[in-house]
Amino acid sequence: MSLLGRHATKEVARALCIDGGNGDVEAPPANAFDFEVRAKDSLQTQDSAVGRPSVLVQGTLLAAFTLMRSLHPLIIGMSKVDGAYLYDPVSVPLMECVFSFFFGQALALQSGGFSQWKQIWTPRPFAIFSMIGFIYAIGDFLELKSLASVSGPTYMVLSQSKLILTACMLKVVKGTRQTGLQWILLLVLMLALVCDSLMTDLLKRHEQIKLDPDWTPPPDKSSTIGVACVVSKVFVSCLGAVLTDKFLKEYKDMPVYMQFAMMKIVWISCLGSMLWMNAASAPPGAPTGLFHDWNVMTVVALGSFTLKNWSTTYLLAILDSMLKNIGEALAVLVTYFIVIFHGSFNDVYEHEKFITVVLVFLSVSAYLASKSPRANGQLRR
């Protein structure tokens, strides 16, 4: 450290000795080394606070993302007919990628003209975000294979491991650490989500038995390959979210819509190949083609996919991938109340379901509270 740097650091340290930042007088450090360490910590805290959005912005973005994630599965369910897709399920995310690719380019042309549009094709960021798009496309493929090979409850239970897996990846990729309390809260939240998934399945079986006492539940169709697909899908999704989180911030001078457009080229190619494989493997006489059996609700589902993916990308750019998973967990609570209180859904209040949903909500609230600067300061003391 230069002489001038040491002098500045010690001046900050002397100020810290007099006032800890909240009006309290602190005891003087034991030696000059302690002076420098405390000064560096103070400067790092101030630097990190400068680039952090306000609590109001973070809360608004998280609330909007949570609402979108809670409405999305309901809209997808409404686009089905008797619980089944008439249209090819790959066609909707494929068209979302096509729209987002051209929309991102249009925003670049409108905002910065041809010079900004050319930046989309800058080799290094283009290669990085194309790789991320490829990872997401593999996740889409594994999700379709998983849903065809495992039961719904098994898929939901295994998917909840993304909370712990994302936290581990953040530590490796970005160096973001969780405190001991946060690790415990993540485990509690994961188990609460598992309980919610199992409770949902049990209540459905209970209602079916009430309607038909002779009904027996179908055998679990889960296979070893299907479980492997689910685990791989969770890993790929977490990896994509963490890498998106990392590189959106690394290239923060580049607008998010340009980064999003970069992801879509390889993503479109992969989904197009999946659509072609579905058409090639369809039985004779079955409808094929990109827009077969599309209707108004399919277009609404396309809009839902578009809003979900754009809100997810902006959330990762402004906040982080851990809060993305927290928002998805919180969406369980919002979805529950929409289903219960909206007249178009034939569902009833269940004490057991309500308790598991409240447990999810309290776990999310505790984790968010543990991330607040005040809570972290108290833990350090």
Protein backbone atom coordinates (compact mmCIF):
# COMPACT_ATOMS: atom_id res chain seq x y z
CA MET A 1 0.00 0.00 0.00
CA SER A 2 1.35 3.48 -0.90
CA LEU A 3 2.16 6.10 1.75
CA LEU A 4 -0.82 8.20 0.66
CA GLY A 5 -3.09 5.13 0.75
CA ARG A 6 -1.93 4.23 4.26
CA HIS A 7 -2.53 7.78 5.44
CA ALA A 8 -6.07 7.82 3.99
CA THR A 9 -6.85 4.43 5.47
CA LYS A 10 -5.68 5.49 8.93
CA GLU A 11 -7.73 8.69 8.72
CA VAL A 12 -10.85 6.62 8.03
CA ALA A 13 -9.87 4.29 10.85
CA ARG A 14 -9.49 7.21 13.24
CA ALA A 15 -12.97 8.40 12.30
CA LEU A 16 -14.29 4.90 12.91
CA CYS A 17 -12.71 4.91 16.36
CA ILE A 18 -14.58 8.09 17.24
CA ASP A 19 -17.95 7.19 15.69
CA GLY A 20 -19.09 3.75 14.54
CA GLY A 21 -21.48 5.21 11.97
CA ASN A 22 -24.53 5.18 14.23
CA GLY A 23 -23.49 7.74 16.85
CA ASP A 24 -21.99 5.20 19.26
CA VAL A 25 -18.44 5.67 20.55
CA GLU A 26 -16.36 2.55 19.97
CA ALA A 27 -13.31 1.32 21.79
CA PRO A 28 -10.02 2.06 20.00
CA PRO A 29 -8.48 -0.84 18.07
CA ALA A 30 -5.56 -2.67 19.59
CA ASN A 31 -3.03 -1.82 16.88
CA ALA A 32 -2.48 -0.19 13.51
CA PHE A 33 -3.33 -3.41 11.67
CA ASP A 34 -6.80 -3.39 13.22
CA PHE A 35 -7.16 0.22 12.08
CA GLU A 36 -6.56 -0.78 8.46
CA VAL A 37 -8.80 -3.86 8.56
CA ARG A 38 -11.74 -1.91 9.98
CA ALA A 39 -11.21 0.93 7.51
CA LYS A 40 -11.21 -1.49 4.58
CA ASP A 41 -14.39 -3.17 5.86
CA SER A 42 -16.10 0.20 6.14
CA LEU A 43 -15.09 1.26 2.63
CA GLN A 44 -16.21 -2.08 1.16
CA THR A 45 -19.58 -1.75 2.89
CA GLN A 46 -20.03 1.73 1.47
CA ASP A 47 -19.02 0.59 -2.03
CA SER A 48 -21.47 -2.31 -1.98
CA ALA A 49 -24.27 -0.05 -0.80
CA VAL A 50 -23.74 2.38 -3.68
CA GLY A 51 -24.62 -0.12 -6.42
CA ARG A 52 -27.44 -1.82 -4.54
CA PRO A 53 -31.00 -0.83 -5.54
CA SER A 54 -33.27 0.56 -2.87
CA VAL A 55 -35.41 -1.73 -0.74
CA LEU A 56 -38.51 -0.36 -2.50
CA VAL A 57 -37.12 -1.28 -5.94
CA GLN A 58 -36.08 -4.74 -4.78
CA GLY A 59 -39.45 -5.38 -3.13
CA THR A 60 -41.42 -4.16 -6.14
CA LEU A 61 -39.41 -6.28 -8.56
CA LEU A 62 -39.67 -9.37 -6.35
CA ALA A 63 -43.44 -8.85 -5.92
CA ALA A 64 -43.98 -8.46 -9.68
CA PHE A 65 -41.89 -11.56 -10.38
CA THR A 66 -43.76 -13.56 -7.73
CA LEU A 67 -47.15 -12.55 -9.15
CA MET A 68 -46.06 -13.50 -12.66
CA ARG A 69 -44.73 -16.88 -11.51
CA SER A 70 -47.95 -17.60 -9.60
CA LEU A 71 -50.19 -16.79 -12.57
CA HIS A 72 -48.09 -18.65 -15.17
CA PRO A 73 -48.96 -22.26 -14.18
CA LEU A 74 -52.64 -21.32 -13.94
CA ILE A 75 -52.58 -19.86 -17.46
CA ILE A 76 -50.76 -22.92 -18.83
CA GLY A 77 -53.35 -25.16 -17.16
CA MET A 78 -56.19 -23.15 -18.73
CA SER A 79 -54.62 -23.58 -22.18
CA LYS A 80 -55.04 -27.38 -21.91
CA VAL A 81 -58.16 -29.28 -22.93
CA ASP A 82 -59.26 -31.95 -20.45
CA GLY A 83 -55.83 -31.76 -18.84
CA ALA A 84 -53.92 -32.43 -22.08
CA TYR A 85 -52.09 -30.31 -24.62
CA LEU A 86 -53.71 -30.20 -28.06
CA TYR A 87 -50.93 -27.99 -29.40
CA ASP A 88 -47.27 -28.99 -29.34
CA PRO A 89 -45.95 -27.77 -25.95
CA VAL A 90 -42.61 -26.90 -27.56
CA SER A 91 -44.23 -24.46 -30.00
CA VAL A 92 -45.09 -21.86 -27.33
CA PRO A 93 -41.58 -21.43 -25.81
CA LEU A 94 -40.17 -21.54 -29.35
CA MET A 95 -42.34 -18.62 -30.45
CA GLU A 96 -41.45 -16.77 -27.23
CA CYS A 97 -37.76 -17.10 -28.15
CA VAL A 98 -38.40 -15.85 -31.69
CA PHE A 99 -40.38 -12.85 -30.41
CA SER A 100 -37.83 -11.98 -27.71
CA PHE A 101 -34.94 -12.26 -30.18
CA PHE A 102 -36.44 -9.75 -32.62
CA PHE A 103 -37.90 -7.55 -29.88
CA GLY A 104 -34.49 -7.23 -28.20
CA GLN A 105 -32.93 -6.19 -31.52
CA ALA A 106 -35.73 -3.68 -32.15
CA LEU A 107 -35.13 -2.11 -28.73
CA ALA A 108 -31.41 -1.86 -29.49
CA LEU A 109 -32.08 -0.12 -32.84
CA GLN A 110 -34.63 2.21 -31.28
CA SER A 111 -32.44 3.09 -28.30
CA GLY A 112 -28.93 3.34 -29.75
CA GLY A 113 -29.29 2.95 -33.48
CA PHE A 114 -27.19 0.72 -35.70
CA SER A 115 -24.07 1.15 -33.53
CA GLN A 116 -25.81 -0.37 -30.49
CA TRP A 117 -27.36 -3.13 -32.58
CA LYS A 118 -23.89 -4.18 -33.77
CA GLN A 119 -22.83 -4.69 -30.16
CA ILE A 120 -25.19 -7.70 -29.99
CA TRP A 121 -22.74 -9.54 -32.22
CA THR A 122 -19.62 -8.71 -30.18
CA PRO A 123 -17.80 -12.10 -30.13
CA ARG A 124 -17.04 -12.65 -26.44
CA PRO A 125 -20.38 -11.64 -24.84
CA PHE A 126 -22.24 -13.24 -27.75
CA ALA A 127 -20.45 -16.56 -27.11
CA ILE A 128 -21.11 -16.36 -23.37
CA PHE A 129 -24.84 -15.61 -23.62
CA SER A 130 -25.28 -18.13 -26.46
CA MET A 131 -23.82 -20.76 -24.14
CA ILE A 132 -26.33 -19.75 -21.45
CA GLY A 133 -29.15 -20.00 -24.01
CA PHE A 134 -27.97 -23.50 -24.89
CA ILE A 135 -28.05 -24.46 -21.19
CA TYR A 136 -31.63 -23.22 -20.87
CA ALA A 137 -32.64 -25.12 -24.02
CA ILE A 138 -31.20 -28.33 -22.57
CA GLY A 139 -33.22 -27.60 -19.43
CA ASP A 140 -36.42 -27.33 -21.52
CA PHE A 141 -35.65 -30.67 -23.18
CA LEU A 142 -34.96 -32.40 -19.86
CA GLU A 143 -38.15 -30.96 -18.36
CA LEU A 144 -40.31 -32.44 -21.12
CA LYS A 145 -38.56 -35.80 -20.75
CA SER A 146 -38.93 -35.66 -16.98
CA LEU A 147 -42.67 -34.98 -17.04
CA ALA A 148 -43.12 -37.92 -19.41
CA SER A 149 -41.08 -40.31 -17.23
CA VAL A 150 -41.92 -39.47 -13.60
CA SER A 151 -45.06 -38.72 -11.64
CA GLY A 152 -46.03 -35.16 -10.77
CA PRO A 153 -45.30 -35.45 -7.02
CA THR A 154 -41.89 -37.01 -7.65
CA TYR A 155 -41.01 -34.22 -10.06
CA MET A 156 -42.10 -31.52 -7.61
CA VAL A 157 -40.25 -33.04 -4.66
CA LEU A 158 -36.98 -33.46 -6.56
CA SER A 159 -37.27 -29.95 -8.00
CA GLN A 160 -37.13 -28.37 -4.54
CA SER A 161 -33.45 -29.27 -4.24
CA LYS A 162 -32.75 -26.22 -6.43
CA LEU A 163 -32.64 -23.98 -3.34
CA ILE A 164 -29.64 -25.75 -1.83
CA LEU A 165 -28.02 -26.40 -5.22
CA THR A 166 -28.27 -22.74 -6.23
CA ALA A 167 -26.70 -21.63 -2.93
CA CYS A 168 -23.79 -24.06 -3.48
CA MET A 169 -23.29 -22.87 -7.08
CA LEU A 170 -23.35 -19.22 -6.02
CA LYS A 171 -20.52 -19.95 -3.59
CA VAL A 172 -18.44 -21.66 -6.30
CA VAL A 173 -19.19 -19.35 -9.25
CA LYS A 174 -19.58 -15.95 -7.57
CA GLY A 175 -18.14 -16.44 -4.11
CA THR A 176 -21.49 -15.51 -2.53
CA ARG A 177 -21.74 -17.11 0.89
CA GLN A 178 -24.70 -17.98 3.06
CA THR A 179 -24.53 -17.67 6.83
CA GLY A 180 -25.19 -20.68 9.03
CA LEU A 181 -28.66 -19.36 9.80
CA GLN A 182 -29.41 -18.92 6.10
CA TRP A 183 -28.38 -22.51 5.32
CA ILE A 184 -30.76 -23.74 8.02
CA LEU A 185 -33.58 -21.57 6.68
CA LEU A 186 -32.98 -22.83 3.14
CA LEU A 187 -33.26 -26.42 4.37
CA VAL A 188 -36.46 -25.57 6.24
CA LEU A 189 -37.88 -23.89 3.12
CA MET A 190 -36.95 -26.84 0.92
CA LEU A 191 -38.66 -29.29 3.30
CA ALA A 192 -41.71 -27.00 3.50
CA LEU A 193 -42.00 -27.04 -0.30
CA VAL A 194 -41.63 -30.83 -0.30
CA CYS A 195 -44.44 -31.08 2.27
CA ASP A 196 -46.60 -28.79 0.13
CA SER A 197 -46.08 -30.99 -2.94
CA LEU A 198 -46.85 -34.19 -1.04
CA MET A 199 -49.89 -32.64 0.66
CA THR A 200 -51.31 -31.50 -2.68
CA ASP A 201 -51.05 -35.03 -4.07
CA LEU A 202 -52.56 -36.61 -0.93
CA LEU A 203 -55.54 -34.21 -0.96
CA LYS A 204 -56.22 -34.96 -4.63
CA ARG A 205 -56.24 -38.69 -3.88
CA HIS A 206 -58.50 -38.13 -0.88
CA GLU A 207 -61.03 -36.20 -2.98
CA GLN A 208 -60.96 -38.91 -5.66
CA ILE A 209 -61.63 -41.64 -3.08
CA LYS A 210 -64.57 -39.63 -1.67
CA LEU A 211 -66.10 -39.50 -5.14
CA ASP A 212 -65.37 -43.14 -5.93
CA PRO A 213 -64.67 -45.44 -2.93
CA ASP A 214 -63.48 -48.19 -5.27
CA TRP A 215 -60.87 -45.98 -6.89
CA THR A 216 -57.26 -47.06 -6.47
CA PRO A 217 -54.33 -44.75 -7.17
CA PRO A 218 -52.38 -45.57 -10.32
CA PRO A 219 -48.90 -47.01 -9.88
CA ASP A 220 -46.05 -44.54 -9.77
CA LYS A 221 -44.73 -44.30 -13.32
CA SER A 222 -41.39 -42.90 -12.21
CA SER A 223 -38.35 -44.65 -13.65
CA THR A 224 -34.67 -44.45 -12.90
CA ILE A 225 -34.08 -42.64 -16.20
CA GLY A 226 -36.90 -40.22 -15.39
CA VAL A 227 -35.49 -39.43 -11.95
CA ALA A 228 -32.07 -38.88 -13.55
CA CYS A 229 -33.68 -36.47 -16.03
CA VAL A 230 -35.29 -34.51 -13.18
CA VAL A 231 -32.03 -34.25 -11.25
CA SER A 232 -30.20 -33.21 -14.43
CA LYS A 233 -32.89 -30.66 -15.21
CA VAL A 234 -32.61 -29.11 -11.74
CA PHE A 235 -28.81 -28.95 -12.04
CA VAL A 236 -28.96 -27.39 -15.52
CA SER A 237 -31.60 -24.84 -14.48
CA CYS A 238 -29.61 -23.77 -11.42
CA LEU A 239 -26.43 -23.52 -13.48
CA GLY A 240 -28.19 -21.39 -16.09
CA ALA A 241 -29.64 -19.05 -13.45
CA VAL A 242 -26.30 -18.62 -11.63
CA LEU A 243 -24.37 -17.99 -14.87
CA THR A 244 -27.04 -15.52 -16.01
CA ASP A 245 -26.79 -13.78 -12.64
CA LYS A 246 -22.99 -13.59 -12.93
CA PHE A 247 -22.65 -12.40 -16.55
CA LEU A 248 -25.61 -10.01 -16.58
CA LYS A 249 -23.79 -8.12 -13.83
CA GLU A 250 -20.35 -8.55 -15.43
CA TYR A 251 -21.69 -6.89 -18.61
CA LYS A 252 -23.86 -4.41 -16.73
CA ASP A 253 -22.97 -1.61 -19.19
CA MET A 254 -24.80 -3.55 -21.90
CA PRO A 255 -28.64 -3.27 -21.77
CA VAL A 256 -30.44 -6.39 -20.58
CA TYR A 257 -32.56 -6.64 -23.73
CA MET A 258 -29.39 -7.01 -25.82
CA GLN A 259 -28.07 -9.76 -23.54
CA PHE A 260 -31.44 -11.51 -23.69
CA ALA A 261 -31.42 -11.39 -27.51
CA MET A 262 -27.97 -13.01 -27.53
CA MET A 263 -29.30 -15.99 -25.55
CA LYS A 264 -32.10 -16.66 -27.99
CA ILE A 265 -30.25 -17.67 -31.18
CA VAL A 266 -28.97 -21.05 -29.96
CA TRP A 267 -32.11 -21.43 -27.83
CA ILE A 268 -34.29 -21.09 -30.97
CA SER A 269 -32.17 -23.66 -32.83
CA CYS A 270 -32.49 -26.24 -30.04
CA LEU A 271 -36.25 -25.79 -29.58
CA GLY A 272 -36.73 -25.92 -33.36
CA SER A 273 -34.91 -29.27 -33.41
CA MET A 274 -37.12 -30.54 -30.57
CA LEU A 275 -40.25 -29.50 -32.50
CA TRP A 276 -38.99 -31.32 -35.58
CA MET A 277 -38.32 -34.48 -33.55
CA ASN A 278 -41.84 -34.35 -32.07
CA ALA A 279 -43.33 -34.05 -35.54
CA ALA A 280 -41.16 -36.88 -36.88
CA SER A 281 -42.16 -39.22 -34.03
CA ALA A 282 -45.89 -38.38 -34.20
CA PRO A 283 -48.22 -41.27 -35.18
CA PRO A 284 -49.63 -41.26 -38.72
CA GLY A 285 -52.54 -38.87 -39.13
CA ALA A 286 -51.70 -36.87 -36.00
CA PRO A 287 -51.66 -33.09 -36.50
CA THR A 288 -48.20 -31.60 -36.90
CA GLY A 289 -46.85 -28.17 -37.62
CA LEU A 290 -45.85 -25.17 -35.59
CA PHE A 291 -49.32 -23.69 -35.01
CA HIS A 292 -51.56 -26.76 -35.06
CA ASP A 293 -54.46 -26.54 -32.58
CA TRP A 294 -53.54 -23.02 -31.44
CA ASN A 295 -56.37 -20.90 -30.03
CA VAL A 296 -56.87 -17.76 -27.97
CA MET A 297 -55.65 -19.40 -24.75
CA THR A 298 -52.49 -20.59 -26.52
CA VAL A 299 -51.73 -16.97 -27.44
CA VAL A 300 -52.35 -15.99 -23.81
CA ALA A 301 -49.94 -18.74 -22.76
CA LEU A 302 -47.38 -17.29 -25.19
CA GLY A 303 -47.77 -13.89 -23.52
CA SER A 304 -47.34 -15.52 -20.12
CA PHE A 305 -44.13 -17.26 -21.22
CA THR A 306 -42.81 -13.96 -22.57
CA LEU A 307 -43.52 -11.97 -19.40
CA LYS A 308 -42.16 -14.76 -17.20
CA ASN A 309 -38.84 -14.99 -19.05
CA TRP A 310 -38.32 -11.23 -19.30
CA SER A 311 -39.18 -10.67 -15.63
CA THR A 312 -36.83 -13.51 -14.65
CA THR A 313 -33.97 -11.99 -16.64
CA TYR A 314 -34.43 -8.51 -15.16
CA LEU A 315 -34.69 -10.01 -11.66
CA LEU A 316 -31.36 -11.80 -12.16
CA ALA A 317 -29.80 -8.60 -13.52
CA ILE A 318 -30.90 -6.44 -10.59
CA LEU A 319 -31.07 -8.94 -7.70
CA ASP A 320 -29.67 -12.51 -7.76
CA SER A 321 -30.51 -16.14 -8.53
CA MET A 322 -31.13 -16.96 -4.86
CA LEU A 323 -33.92 -14.39 -4.64
CA LYS A 324 -35.32 -15.80 -7.90
CA ASN A 325 -35.83 -19.15 -6.17
CA ILE A 326 -37.28 -17.39 -3.13
CA GLY A 327 -39.76 -15.59 -5.38
CA GLU A 328 -40.78 -18.90 -6.95
CA ALA A 329 -41.33 -20.36 -3.48
CA LEU A 330 -43.41 -17.35 -2.48
CA ALA A 331 -45.49 -17.85 -5.64
CA VAL A 332 -46.80 -21.07 -4.07
CA LEU A 333 -48.65 -18.96 -1.51
CA VAL A 334 -50.05 -16.54 -4.11
CA THR A 335 -51.20 -19.38 -6.36
CA TYR A 336 -52.97 -21.04 -3.43
CA PHE A 337 -55.03 -17.96 -2.60
CA ILE A 338 -55.85 -17.30 -6.27
CA VAL A 339 -57.18 -20.85 -6.62
CA ILE A 340 -59.16 -20.67 -3.38
CA PHE A 341 -60.77 -17.26 -3.79
CA HIS A 342 -61.24 -17.01 -7.57
CA GLY A 343 -64.60 -18.35 -8.70
CA SER A 344 -63.36 -19.96 -11.92
CA PHE A 345 -61.30 -22.57 -10.04
CA ASN A 346 -63.21 -25.43 -8.45
CA ASP A 347 -61.16 -25.83 -5.33
CA VAL A 348 -61.98 -25.74 -1.64
CA TYR A 349 -60.21 -24.60 1.48
CA GLU A 350 -58.19 -27.35 3.17
CA HIS A 351 -56.65 -26.89 6.61
CA GLU A 352 -53.72 -29.18 5.80
CA LYS A 353 -52.88 -27.35 2.58
CA PHE A 354 -53.19 -23.96 4.26
CA ILE A 355 -50.77 -24.95 7.03
CA THR A 356 -48.11 -26.12 4.56
CA VAL A 357 -48.50 -22.93 2.50
CA VAL A 358 -48.15 -20.75 5.62
CA LEU A 359 -45.01 -22.73 6.54
CA VAL A 360 -43.57 -21.91 3.11
CA PHE A 361 -44.44 -18.23 3.59
CA LEU A 362 -42.85 -18.03 7.05
CA SER A 363 -39.70 -19.77 5.79
CA VAL A 364 -39.41 -17.30 2.92
CA SER A 365 -39.99 -14.36 5.28
CA ALA A 366 -37.33 -15.61 7.71
CA TYR A 367 -34.77 -16.04 4.92
CA LEU A 368 -35.45 -12.56 3.51
CA ALA A 369 -35.17 -11.09 7.01
CA SER A 370 -31.83 -12.85 7.50
CA LYS A 371 -30.48 -11.13 4.37
CA SER A 372 -31.22 -7.62 5.62
CA PRO A 373 -28.17 -5.45 6.44
CA ARG A 374 -29.37 -5.00 10.05
CA ALA A 375 -29.65 -8.79 10.59
CA ASN A 376 -26.23 -9.39 9.02
CA GLY A 377 -24.66 -6.72 11.24
CA GLN A 378 -26.10 -8.31 14.35
CA LEU A 379 -24.85 -11.74 13.28
CA ARG A 380 -21.33 -10.38 12.76
CA ARG A 381 -21.30 -8.89 16.23
